Amino acid sequence: MTSTQITPDKVLDVRGMMCPMPVVKTGTAIKEIQIGQVLEVLATDPGSKPDLTAWAKMTGNELLQVEEMEGSPKVYKFRFRRTK
């Protein structure tokens, strides 16, 4: 599924924030959308990739997509579907 096929219901920009803030902010933001809706998270912390992947497994929210967007710094785009 390409990014154009998934339209996020909310976008969280945590670029420039370091661990643990991307996970903390994602946990708060996912509660602000309805079950079944999609949260997009934009992060620059390289640790966010394993951290947010583990967060999704731990919380039961569905990780739909992870993209690495080239640039300086590299931006990681995550899309999560709230499941509970």
PDB file of N, CA and C in Angstrom:
ATOM      1  N   MET A   1       0.855  -1.173   0.000  1.00  0.00           N
ATOM      2  CA  MET A   1       0.000   0.000   0.000  1.00  0.00           C
ATOM      3  C   MET A   1       0.900   1.235   0.000  1.00  0.00           C
ATOM      4  N   THR A   2       0.651   2.155  -0.871  1.00  0.00           N
ATOM      5  CA  THR A   2       1.480   3.359  -0.933  1.00  0.00           C
ATOM      6  C   THR A   2       0.921   4.435  -0.011  1.00  0.00           C
ATOM      7  N   SER A   3       1.757   5.417   0.266  1.00  0.00           N
ATOM      8  CA  SER A   3       1.346   6.460   1.201  1.00  0.00           C
ATOM      9  C   SER A   3       0.153   7.255   0.690  1.00  0.00           C
ATOM     10  N   THR A   4      -0.040   7.304  -0.619  1.00  0.00           N
ATOM     11  CA  THR A   4      -1.170   8.058  -1.143  1.00  0.00           C
ATOM     12  C   THR A   4      -2.482   7.336  -0.903  1.00  0.00           C
ATOM     13  N   GLN A   5      -2.424   6.037  -0.623  1.00  0.00           N
ATOM     14  CA  GLN A   5      -3.644   5.274  -0.392  1.00  0.00           C
ATOM     15  C   GLN A   5      -4.102   5.332   1.066  1.00  0.00           C
ATOM     16  N   ILE A   6      -3.232   5.756   1.961  1.00  0.00           N
ATOM     17  CA  ILE A   6      -3.580   5.854   3.371  1.00  0.00           C
ATOM     18  C   ILE A   6      -3.638   7.329   3.734  1.00  0.00           C
ATOM     19  N   THR A   7      -4.814   7.803   4.055  1.00  0.00           N
ATOM     20  CA  THR A   7      -4.965   9.203   4.443  1.00  0.00           C
ATOM     21  C   THR A   7      -5.029   9.275   5.963  1.00  0.00           C
ATOM     22  N   PRO A   8      -4.070   9.949   6.591  1.00  0.00           N
ATOM     23  CA  PRO A   8      -4.101  10.028   8.048  1.00  0.00           C
ATOM     24  C   PRO A   8      -5.222  10.939   8.549  1.00  0.00           C
ATOM     25  N   ASP A   9      -5.768  10.582   9.701  1.00  0.00           N
ATOM     26  CA  ASP A   9      -6.792  11.405  10.341  1.00  0.00           C
ATOM     27  C   ASP A   9      -6.152  12.464  11.234  1.00  0.00           C
ATOM     28  N   LYS A  10      -4.916  12.207  11.647  1.00  0.00           N
ATOM     29  CA  LYS A  10      -4.170  13.146  12.489  1.00  0.00           C
ATOM     30  C   LYS A  10      -2.691  12.989  12.164  1.00  0.00           C
ATOM     31  N   VAL A  11      -1.958  14.108  12.164  1.00  0.00           N
ATOM     32  CA  VAL A  11      -0.513  14.093  11.921  1.00  0.00           C
ATOM     33  C   VAL A  11       0.181  14.625  13.171  1.00  0.00           C
ATOM     34  N   LEU A  12       1.174  13.873  13.643  1.00  0.00           N
ATOM     35  CA  LEU A  12       1.972  14.267  14.800  1.00  0.00           C
ATOM     36  C   LEU A  12       3.400  14.496  14.323  1.00  0.00           C
ATOM     37  N   ASP A  13       3.895  15.708  14.528  1.00  0.00           N
ATOM     38  CA  ASP A  13       5.249  16.061  14.106  1.00  0.00           C
ATOM     39  C   ASP A  13       6.151  16.093  15.332  1.00  0.00           C
ATOM     40  N   VAL A  14       7.021  15.077  15.448  1.00  0.00           N
ATOM     41  CA  VAL A  14       7.966  15.015  16.569  1.00  0.00           C
ATOM     42  C   VAL A  14       9.404  15.142  16.050  1.00  0.00           C
ATOM     43  N   ARG A  15       9.554  15.752  14.877  1.00  0.00           N
ATOM     44  CA  ARG A  15      10.895  15.951  14.325  1.00  0.00           C
ATOM     45  C   ARG A  15      11.706  16.810  15.288  1.00  0.00           C
ATOM     46  N   GLY A  16      12.945  16.411  15.504  1.00  0.00           N
ATOM     47  CA  GLY A  16      13.833  17.129  16.411  1.00  0.00           C
ATOM     48  C   GLY A  16      13.774  16.627  17.849  1.00  0.00           C
ATOM     49  N   MET A  17      12.775  15.821  18.170  1.00  0.00           N
ATOM     50  CA  MET A  17      12.666  15.272  19.527  1.00  0.00           C
ATOM     51  C   MET A  17      13.411  13.950  19.615  1.00  0.00           C
ATOM     52  N   MET A  18      14.047  13.723  20.753  1.00  0.00           N
ATOM     53  CA  MET A  18      14.799  12.490  20.961  1.00  0.00           C
ATOM     54  C   MET A  18      14.051  11.595  21.950  1.00  0.00           C
ATOM     55  N   CYS A  19      14.450  10.332  21.965  1.00  0.00           N
ATOM     56  CA  CYS A  19      13.870   9.333  22.850  1.00  0.00           C
ATOM     57  C   CYS A  19      13.856   9.859  24.287  1.00  0.00           C
ATOM     58  N   PRO A  20      12.793   9.689  24.995  1.00  0.00           N
ATOM     59  CA  PRO A  20      11.589   8.898  24.708  1.00  0.00           C
ATOM     60  C   PRO A  20      10.417   9.713  24.155  1.00  0.00           C
ATOM     61  N   MET A  21      10.633  10.978  23.827  1.00  0.00           N
ATOM     62  CA  MET A  21       9.508  11.849  23.478  1.00  0.00           C
ATOM     63  C   MET A  21       8.673  11.393  22.275  1.00  0.00           C
ATOM     64  N   PRO A  22       9.263  10.867  21.188  1.00  0.00           N
ATOM     65  CA  PRO A  22       8.397  10.400  20.096  1.00  0.00           C
ATOM     66  C   PRO A  22       7.395   9.332  20.550  1.00  0.00           C
ATOM     67  N   VAL A  23       7.829   8.431  21.406  1.00  0.00           N
ATOM     68  CA  VAL A  23       6.932   7.375  21.899  1.00  0.00           C
ATOM     69  C   VAL A  23       5.882   7.970  22.837  1.00  0.00           C
ATOM     70  N   VAL A  24       6.310   8.839  23.727  1.00  0.00           N
ATOM     71  CA  VAL A  24       5.384   9.470  24.681  1.00  0.00           C
ATOM     72  C   VAL A  24       4.311  10.260  23.931  1.00  0.00           C
ATOM     73  N   LYS A  25       4.724  11.077  22.984  1.00  0.00           N
ATOM     74  CA  LYS A  25       3.781  11.911  22.221  1.00  0.00           C
ATOM     75  C   LYS A  25       2.855  11.056  21.353  1.00  0.00           C
ATOM     76  N   THR A  26       3.401   9.968  20.783  1.00  0.00           N
ATOM     77  CA  THR A  26       2.571   9.064  19.970  1.00  0.00           C
ATOM     78  C   THR A  26       1.494   8.419  20.832  1.00  0.00           C
ATOM     79  N   GLY A  27       1.879   7.995  22.030  1.00  0.00           N
ATOM     80  CA  GLY A  27       0.916   7.381  22.948  1.00  0.00           C
ATOM     81  C   GLY A  27      -0.219   8.332  23.311  1.00  0.00           C
ATOM     82  N   THR A  28       0.099   9.597  23.463  1.00  0.00           N
ATOM     83  CA  THR A  28      -0.928  10.602  23.767  1.00  0.00           C
ATOM     84  C   THR A  28      -1.799  10.877  22.544  1.00  0.00           C
ATOM     85  N   ALA A  29      -1.167  11.035  21.393  1.00  0.00           N
ATOM     86  CA  ALA A  29      -1.904  11.389  20.168  1.00  0.00           C
ATOM     87  C   ALA A  29      -2.839  10.280  19.707  1.00  0.00           C
ATOM     88  N   ILE A  30      -2.459   9.022  19.896  1.00  0.00           N
ATOM     89  CA  ILE A  30      -3.308   7.917  19.420  1.00  0.00           C
ATOM     90  C   ILE A  30      -4.625   7.906  20.189  1.00  0.00           C
ATOM     91  N   LYS A  31      -4.612   8.406  21.417  1.00  0.00           N
ATOM     92  CA  LYS A  31      -5.834   8.452  22.228  1.00  0.00           C
ATOM     93  C   LYS A  31      -6.757   9.585  21.802  1.00  0.00           C
ATOM     94  N   GLU A  32      -6.256  10.485  20.962  1.00  0.00           N
ATOM     95  CA  GLU A  32      -7.053  11.622  20.501  1.00  0.00           C
ATOM     96  C   GLU A  32      -7.815  11.338  19.208  1.00  0.00           C
ATOM     97  N   ILE A  33      -7.626  10.140  18.654  1.00  0.00           N
ATOM     98  CA  ILE A  33      -8.370   9.752  17.455  1.00  0.00           C
ATOM     99  C   ILE A  33      -9.265   8.573  17.790  1.00  0.00           C
ATOM    100  N   GLN A  34     -10.212   8.304  16.927  1.00  0.00           N
ATOM    101  CA  GLN A  34     -11.162   7.217  17.146  1.00  0.00           C
ATOM    102  C   GLN A  34     -10.558   5.871  16.728  1.00  0.00           C
ATOM    103  N   ILE A  35     -11.089   4.793  17.290  1.00  0.00           N
ATOM    104  CA  ILE A  35     -10.680   3.451  16.883  1.00  0.00           C
ATOM    105  C   ILE A  35     -10.939   3.307  15.383  1.00  0.00           C
ATOM    106  N   GLY A  36      -9.926   2.788  14.672  1.00  0.00           N
ATOM    107  CA  GLY A  36     -10.021   2.621  13.224  1.00  0.00           C
ATOM    108  C   GLY A  36      -9.400   3.771  12.446  1.00  0.00           C
ATOM    109  N   GLN A  37      -9.172   4.900  13.112  1.00  0.00           N
ATOM    110  CA  GLN A  37      -8.556   6.037  12.418  1.00  0.00           C
ATOM    111  C   GLN A  37      -7.039   5.863  12.378  1.00  0.00           C
ATOM    112  N   VAL A  38      -6.397   6.686  11.529  1.00  0.00           N
ATOM    113  CA  VAL A  38      -4.963   6.562  11.269  1.00  0.00           C
ATOM    114  C   VAL A  38      -4.213   7.791  11.787  1.00  0.00           C
ATOM    115  N   LEU A  39      -3.121   7.510  12.508  1.00  0.00           N
ATOM    116  CA  LEU A  39      -2.222   8.545  13.004  1.00  0.00           C
ATOM    117  C   LEU A  39      -0.925   8.469  12.216  1.00  0.00           C
ATOM    118  N   GLU A  40      -0.491   9.603  11.678  1.00  0.00           N
ATOM    119  CA  GLU A  40       0.802   9.683  11.006  1.00  0.00           C
ATOM    120  C   GLU A  40       1.770  10.385  11.949  1.00  0.00           C
ATOM    121  N   VAL A  41       2.966   9.804  12.103  1.00  0.00           N
ATOM    122  CA  VAL A  41       3.994  10.379  12.967  1.00  0.00           C
ATOM    123  C   VAL A  41       5.231  10.657  12.116  1.00  0.00           C
ATOM    124  N   LEU A  42       5.752  11.887  12.221  1.00  0.00           N
ATOM    125  CA  LEU A  42       6.976  12.280  11.522  1.00  0.00           C
ATOM    126  C   LEU A  42       8.062  12.465  12.566  1.00  0.00           C
ATOM    127  N   ALA A  43       9.164  11.707  12.443  1.00  0.00           N
ATOM    128  CA  ALA A  43      10.234  11.745  13.427  1.00  0.00           C
ATOM    129  C   ALA A  43      11.590  11.796  12.742  1.00  0.00           C
ATOM    130  N   THR A  44      12.574  12.353  13.432  1.00  0.00           N
ATOM    131  CA  THR A  44      13.942  12.381  12.911  1.00  0.00           C
ATOM    132  C   THR A  44      14.902  11.553  13.762  1.00  0.00           C
ATOM    133  N   ASP A  45      14.489  11.144  14.945  1.00  0.00           N
ATOM    134  CA  ASP A  45      15.338  10.335  15.817  1.00  0.00           C
ATOM    135  C   ASP A  45      15.482   8.942  15.210  1.00  0.00           C
ATOM    136  N   PRO A  46      16.719   8.503  14.857  1.00  0.00           N
ATOM    137  CA  PRO A  46      16.887   7.162  14.285  1.00  0.00           C
ATOM    138  C   PRO A  46      16.369   6.059  15.203  1.00  0.00           C
ATOM    139  N   GLY A  47      16.375   6.322  16.499  1.00  0.00           N
ATOM    140  CA  GLY A  47      15.858   5.339  17.454  1.00  0.00           C
ATOM    141  C   GLY A  47      14.351   5.200  17.412  1.00  0.00           C
ATOM    142  N   SER A  48      13.678   6.138  16.742  1.00  0.00           N
ATOM    143  CA  SER A  48      12.217   6.063  16.680  1.00  0.00           C
ATOM    144  C   SER A  48      11.741   4.849  15.888  1.00  0.00           C
ATOM    145  N   LYS A  49      12.539   4.392  14.941  1.00  0.00           N
ATOM    146  CA  LYS A  49      12.111   3.241  14.128  1.00  0.00           C
ATOM    147  C   LYS A  49      11.931   1.986  14.990  1.00  0.00           C
ATOM    148  N   PRO A  50      12.962   1.549  15.733  1.00  0.00           N
ATOM    149  CA  PRO A  50      12.723   0.385  16.598  1.00  0.00           C
ATOM    150  C   PRO A  50      11.786   0.701  17.768  1.00  0.00           C
ATOM    151  N   ASP A  51      11.867   1.923  18.298  1.00  0.00           N
ATOM    152  CA  ASP A  51      11.034   2.282  19.450  1.00  0.00           C
ATOM    153  C   ASP A  51       9.547   2.277  19.106  1.00  0.00           C
ATOM    154  N   LEU A  52       9.176   2.909  17.997  1.00  0.00           N
ATOM    155  CA  LEU A  52       7.756   2.987  17.641  1.00  0.00           C
ATOM    156  C   LEU A  52       7.225   1.662  17.102  1.00  0.00           C
ATOM    157  N   THR A  53       8.099   0.862  16.500  1.00  0.00           N
ATOM    158  CA  THR A  53       7.687  -0.484  16.084  1.00  0.00           C
ATOM    159  C   THR A  53       7.355  -1.324  17.321  1.00  0.00           C
ATOM    160  N   ALA A  54       8.217  -1.250  18.324  1.00  0.00           N
ATOM    161  CA  ALA A  54       7.983  -1.980  19.583  1.00  0.00           C
ATOM    162  C   ALA A  54       6.748  -1.433  20.293  1.00  0.00           C
ATOM    163  N   TRP A  55       6.563  -0.106  20.263  1.00  0.00           N
ATOM    164  CA  TRP A  55       5.391   0.509  20.894  1.00  0.00           C
ATOM    165  C   TRP A  55       4.103  -0.041  20.288  1.00  0.00           C
ATOM    166  N   ALA A  56       4.074  -0.158  18.960  1.00  0.00           N
ATOM    167  CA  ALA A  56       2.871  -0.673  18.287  1.00  0.00           C
ATOM    168  C   ALA A  56       2.570  -2.100  18.741  1.00  0.00           C
ATOM    169  N   LYS A  57       3.595  -2.934  18.816  1.00  0.00           N
ATOM    170  CA  LYS A  57       3.394  -4.319  19.255  1.00  0.00           C
ATOM    171  C   LYS A  57       2.926  -4.363  20.703  1.00  0.00           C
ATOM    172  N   MET A  58       3.524  -3.529  21.538  1.00  0.00           N
ATOM    173  CA  MET A  58       3.212  -3.525  22.963  1.00  0.00           C
ATOM    174  C   MET A  58       1.789  -3.026  23.236  1.00  0.00           C
ATOM    175  N   THR A  59       1.340  -2.029  22.476  1.00  0.00           N
ATOM    176  CA  THR A  59       0.020  -1.443  22.718  1.00  0.00           C
ATOM    177  C   THR A  59      -1.086  -2.103  21.910  1.00  0.00           C
ATOM    178  N   GLY A  60      -0.712  -2.886  20.897  1.00  0.00           N
ATOM    179  CA  GLY A  60      -1.717  -3.534  20.064  1.00  0.00           C
ATOM    180  C   GLY A  60      -2.238  -2.663  18.937  1.00  0.00           C
ATOM    181  N   ASN A  61      -1.679  -1.468  18.759  1.00  0.00           N
ATOM    182  CA  ASN A  61      -2.079  -0.630  17.625  1.00  0.00           C
ATOM    183  C   ASN A  61      -1.363  -1.133  16.376  1.00  0.00           C
ATOM    184  N   GLU A  62      -2.020  -1.016  15.239  1.00  0.00           N
ATOM    185  CA  GLU A  62      -1.503  -1.583  13.998  1.00  0.00           C
ATOM    186  C   GLU A  62      -0.538  -0.625  13.300  1.00  0.00           C
ATOM    187  N   LEU A  63       0.683  -1.080  13.076  1.00  0.00           N
ATOM    188  CA  LEU A  63       1.662  -0.314  12.306  1.00  0.00           C
ATOM    189  C   LEU A  63       1.392  -0.612  10.838  1.00  0.00           C
ATOM    190  N   LEU A  64       0.873   0.372  10.128  1.00  0.00           N
ATOM    191  CA  LEU A  64       0.499   0.195   8.724  1.00  0.00           C
ATOM    192  C   LEU A  64       1.676   0.402   7.789  1.00  0.00           C
ATOM    193  N   GLN A  65       2.568   1.325   8.166  1.00  0.00           N
ATOM    194  CA  GLN A  65       3.590   1.735   7.212  1.00  0.00           C
ATOM    195  C   GLN A  65       4.728   2.459   7.913  1.00  0.00           C
ATOM    196  N   VAL A  66       5.937   2.227   7.422  1.00  0.00           N
ATOM    197  CA  VAL A  66       7.110   2.993   7.843  1.00  0.00           C
ATOM    198  C   VAL A  66       7.838   3.396   6.568  1.00  0.00           C
ATOM    199  N   GLU A  67       8.089   4.672   6.420  1.00  0.00           N
ATOM    200  CA  GLU A  67       8.845   5.169   5.268  1.00  0.00           C
ATOM    201  C   GLU A  67      10.033   5.966   5.775  1.00  0.00           C
ATOM    202  N   GLU A  68      11.157   5.843   5.082  1.00  0.00           N
ATOM    203  CA  GLU A  68      12.322   6.670   5.373  1.00  0.00           C
ATOM    204  C   GLU A  68      12.450   7.671   4.239  1.00  0.00           C
ATOM    205  N   MET A  69      12.321   8.938   4.567  1.00  0.00           N
ATOM    206  CA  MET A  69      12.387   9.992   3.565  1.00  0.00           C
ATOM    207  C   MET A  69      13.771  10.618   3.619  1.00  0.00           C
ATOM    208  N   GLU A  70      14.470  10.571   2.502  1.00  0.00           N
ATOM    209  CA  GLU A  70      15.841  11.090   2.450  1.00  0.00           C
ATOM    210  C   GLU A  70      15.884  12.578   2.720  1.00  0.00           C
ATOM    211  N   GLY A  71      16.968  13.001   3.274  1.00  0.00           N
ATOM    212  CA  GLY A  71      17.165  14.413   3.575  1.00  0.00           C
ATOM    213  C   GLY A  71      18.149  14.523   4.722  1.00  0.00           C
ATOM    214  N   SER A  72      18.381  15.714   5.142  1.00  0.00           N
ATOM    215  CA  SER A  72      19.270  15.931   6.265  1.00  0.00           C
ATOM    216  C   SER A  72      18.557  16.841   7.260  1.00  0.00           C
ATOM    217  N   PRO A  73      18.036  16.290   8.330  1.00  0.00           N
ATOM    218  CA  PRO A  73      18.131  14.890   8.732  1.00  0.00           C
ATOM    219  C   PRO A  73      17.086  14.019   8.024  1.00  0.00           C
ATOM    220  N   LYS A  74      17.320  12.716   8.065  1.00  0.00           N
ATOM    221  CA  LYS A  74      16.371  11.761   7.501  1.00  0.00           C
ATOM    222  C   LYS A  74      15.079  11.812   8.324  1.00  0.00           C
ATOM    223  N   VAL A  75      13.943  11.777   7.648  1.00  0.00           N
ATOM    224  CA  VAL A  75      12.650  11.789   8.328  1.00  0.00           C
ATOM    225  C   VAL A  75      12.020  10.410   8.203  1.00  0.00           C
ATOM    226  N   TYR A  76      11.543   9.915   9.322  1.00  0.00           N
ATOM    227  CA  TYR A  76      10.839   8.637   9.365  1.00  0.00           C
ATOM    228  C   TYR A  76       9.351   8.935   9.479  1.00  0.00           C
ATOM    229  N   LYS A  77       8.581   8.346   8.567  1.00  0.00           N
ATOM    230  CA  LYS A  77       7.131   8.543   8.561  1.00  0.00           C
ATOM    231  C   LYS A  77       6.469   7.227   8.941  1.00  0.00           C
ATOM    232  N   PHE A  78       5.704   7.264  10.012  1.00  0.00           N
ATOM    233  CA  PHE A  78       4.977   6.088  10.499  1.00  0.00           C
ATOM    234  C   PHE A  78       3.489   6.339  10.343  1.00  0.00           C
ATOM    235  N   ARG A  79       2.763   5.266  10.072  1.00  0.00           N
ATOM    236  CA  ARG A  79       1.300   5.363  10.068  1.00  0.00           C
ATOM    237  C   ARG A  79       0.764   4.214  10.916  1.00  0.00           C
ATOM    238  N   PHE A  80      -0.036   4.586  11.892  1.00  0.00           N
ATOM    239  CA  PHE A  80      -0.623   3.627  12.828  1.00  0.00           C
ATOM    240  C   PHE A  80      -2.141   3.699  12.745  1.00  0.00           C
ATOM    241  N   ARG A  81      -2.795   2.533  12.837  1.00  0.00           N
ATOM    242  CA  ARG A  81      -4.248   2.497  12.955  1.00  0.00           C
ATOM    243  C   ARG A  81      -4.582   2.178  14.401  1.00  0.00           C
ATOM    244  N   ARG A  82      -5.410   3.021  15.009  1.00  0.00           N
ATOM    245  CA  ARG A  82      -5.812   2.757  16.393  1.00  0.00           C
ATOM    246  C   ARG A  82      -6.747   1.557  16.412  1.00  0.00           C
ATOM    247  N   THR A  83      -6.423   0.601  17.262  1.00  0.00           N
ATOM    248  CA  THR A  83      -7.220  -0.628  17.320  1.00  0.00           C
ATOM    249  C   THR A  83      -8.007  -0.777  18.608  1.00  0.00           C
ATOM    250  N   LYS A  84      -7.636   0.017  19.627  1.00  0.00           N
ATOM    251  CA  LYS A  84      -8.394  -0.086  20.892  1.00  0.00           C
ATOM    252  C   LYS A  84      -8.301   1.194  21.690  1.00  0.00           C
TER     253      LYS A  84
END
